[in-house]
Amino acid sequence: MANDAVDMARRDLASRLGIAESQITTERVEEVDWRDTSLGCPQPGRMYAQVITPGYRIILQANGKTYEYHSDQRGNVVFCATPSE
């Protein structure tokens, strides 16, 4: 499942940056138990279920910058510009 999340994150980042996926490096993937369904990336004005949500922290690198994505194990992947725990 981690591979699917990484693939989705890489596709999203390539689209955001307007580059080929081959220009993106996967730096690190780690299993995480998020405190709620925001996956550590809460959006203002939204409410989230307060349940432990297993998933992954995905760190990608492109163009000399690092980008962080968070996922759950159900196929949800979010770009996290300002990660919180």
Protein backbone atom coordinates (compact mmCIF):
# COMPACT_ATOMS: atom_id res chain seq x y z
CA MET A 1 0.00 0.00 0.00
CA ALA A 2 2.90 2.39 0.69
CA ASN A 3 3.97 2.03 -2.95
CA ASP A 4 0.54 3.16 -4.16
CA ALA A 5 0.67 6.21 -1.87
CA VAL A 6 4.17 7.08 -3.07
CA ASP A 7 3.09 6.78 -6.71
CA MET A 8 0.11 9.06 -6.09
CA ALA A 9 2.31 11.61 -4.29
CA ARG A 10 4.88 11.58 -7.10
CA ARG A 11 2.17 12.10 -9.74
CA ASP A 12 0.68 14.98 -7.77
CA LEU A 13 4.05 16.67 -7.25
CA ALA A 14 5.00 16.29 -10.91
CA SER A 15 1.69 17.93 -11.84
CA ARG A 16 2.12 20.75 -9.30
CA LEU A 17 5.64 21.52 -10.48
CA GLY A 18 5.09 20.85 -14.19
CA ILE A 19 7.94 18.34 -14.34
CA ALA A 20 8.35 14.67 -15.22
CA GLU A 21 8.00 12.11 -12.42
CA SER A 22 11.52 10.95 -13.29
CA GLN A 23 12.80 14.27 -11.89
CA ILE A 24 11.43 13.43 -8.44
CA THR A 25 13.36 11.45 -5.85
CA THR A 26 11.70 9.57 -3.01
CA GLU A 27 13.78 10.51 0.03
CA ARG A 28 11.91 8.66 2.75
CA VAL A 29 8.69 6.79 3.51
CA GLU A 30 7.75 6.08 7.10
CA GLU A 31 4.74 4.51 8.75
CA VAL A 32 2.82 6.92 10.97
CA ASP A 33 -0.26 6.73 13.19
CA TRP A 34 -1.93 10.10 12.59
CA ARG A 35 -3.92 11.53 15.54
CA ASP A 36 -6.99 12.13 13.39
CA THR A 37 -8.27 11.91 9.83
CA SER A 38 -6.58 15.20 8.86
CA LEU A 39 -3.45 13.06 8.41
CA GLY A 40 -1.37 15.71 10.17
CA CYS A 41 -2.41 18.33 7.60
CA PRO A 42 -5.53 20.03 8.95
CA GLN A 43 -7.29 22.51 6.69
CA PRO A 44 -8.88 25.63 8.22
CA GLY A 45 -12.62 25.37 8.74
CA ARG A 46 -12.79 21.58 8.36
CA MET A 47 -13.60 19.04 11.04
CA TYR A 48 -11.91 15.67 11.29
CA ALA A 49 -12.77 12.41 13.02
CA GLN A 50 -10.68 12.03 16.16
CA VAL A 51 -9.47 8.49 15.52
CA ILE A 52 -5.97 7.09 15.16
CA THR A 53 -5.41 6.80 11.41
CA PRO A 54 -2.55 4.58 10.22
CA GLY A 55 -0.69 5.82 7.16
CA TYR A 56 2.57 7.12 5.78
CA ARG A 57 4.74 10.24 5.74
CA ILE A 58 6.28 10.54 2.27
CA ILE A 59 9.22 12.86 1.70
CA LEU A 60 9.98 13.70 -1.93
CA GLN A 61 12.67 15.88 -3.45
CA ALA A 62 12.60 17.83 -6.70
CA ASN A 63 14.50 20.84 -8.01
CA GLY A 64 16.59 20.97 -4.82
CA LYS A 65 13.53 21.29 -2.56
CA THR A 66 11.85 18.85 -0.21
CA TYR A 67 8.10 18.19 -0.29
CA GLU A 68 6.00 16.32 2.25
CA TYR A 69 2.93 14.20 1.60
CA HIS A 70 0.79 12.36 4.14
CA SER A 71 -1.47 9.41 3.49
CA ASP A 72 -3.74 6.94 5.17
CA GLN A 73 -3.93 3.27 4.26
CA ARG A 74 -7.18 3.72 2.34
CA GLY A 75 -5.69 5.55 -0.63
CA ASN A 76 -6.00 9.16 0.54
CA VAL A 77 -2.86 11.20 -0.11
CA VAL A 78 -2.48 14.90 0.70
CA PHE A 79 0.23 17.45 -0.02
CA CYS A 80 1.24 18.95 3.30
CA ALA A 81 2.73 22.43 2.92
CA THR A 82 2.74 23.02 6.70
CA PRO A 83 2.92 19.63 8.44
CA SER A 84 1.79 19.26 12.04
CA GLU A 85 1.80 16.21 14.24
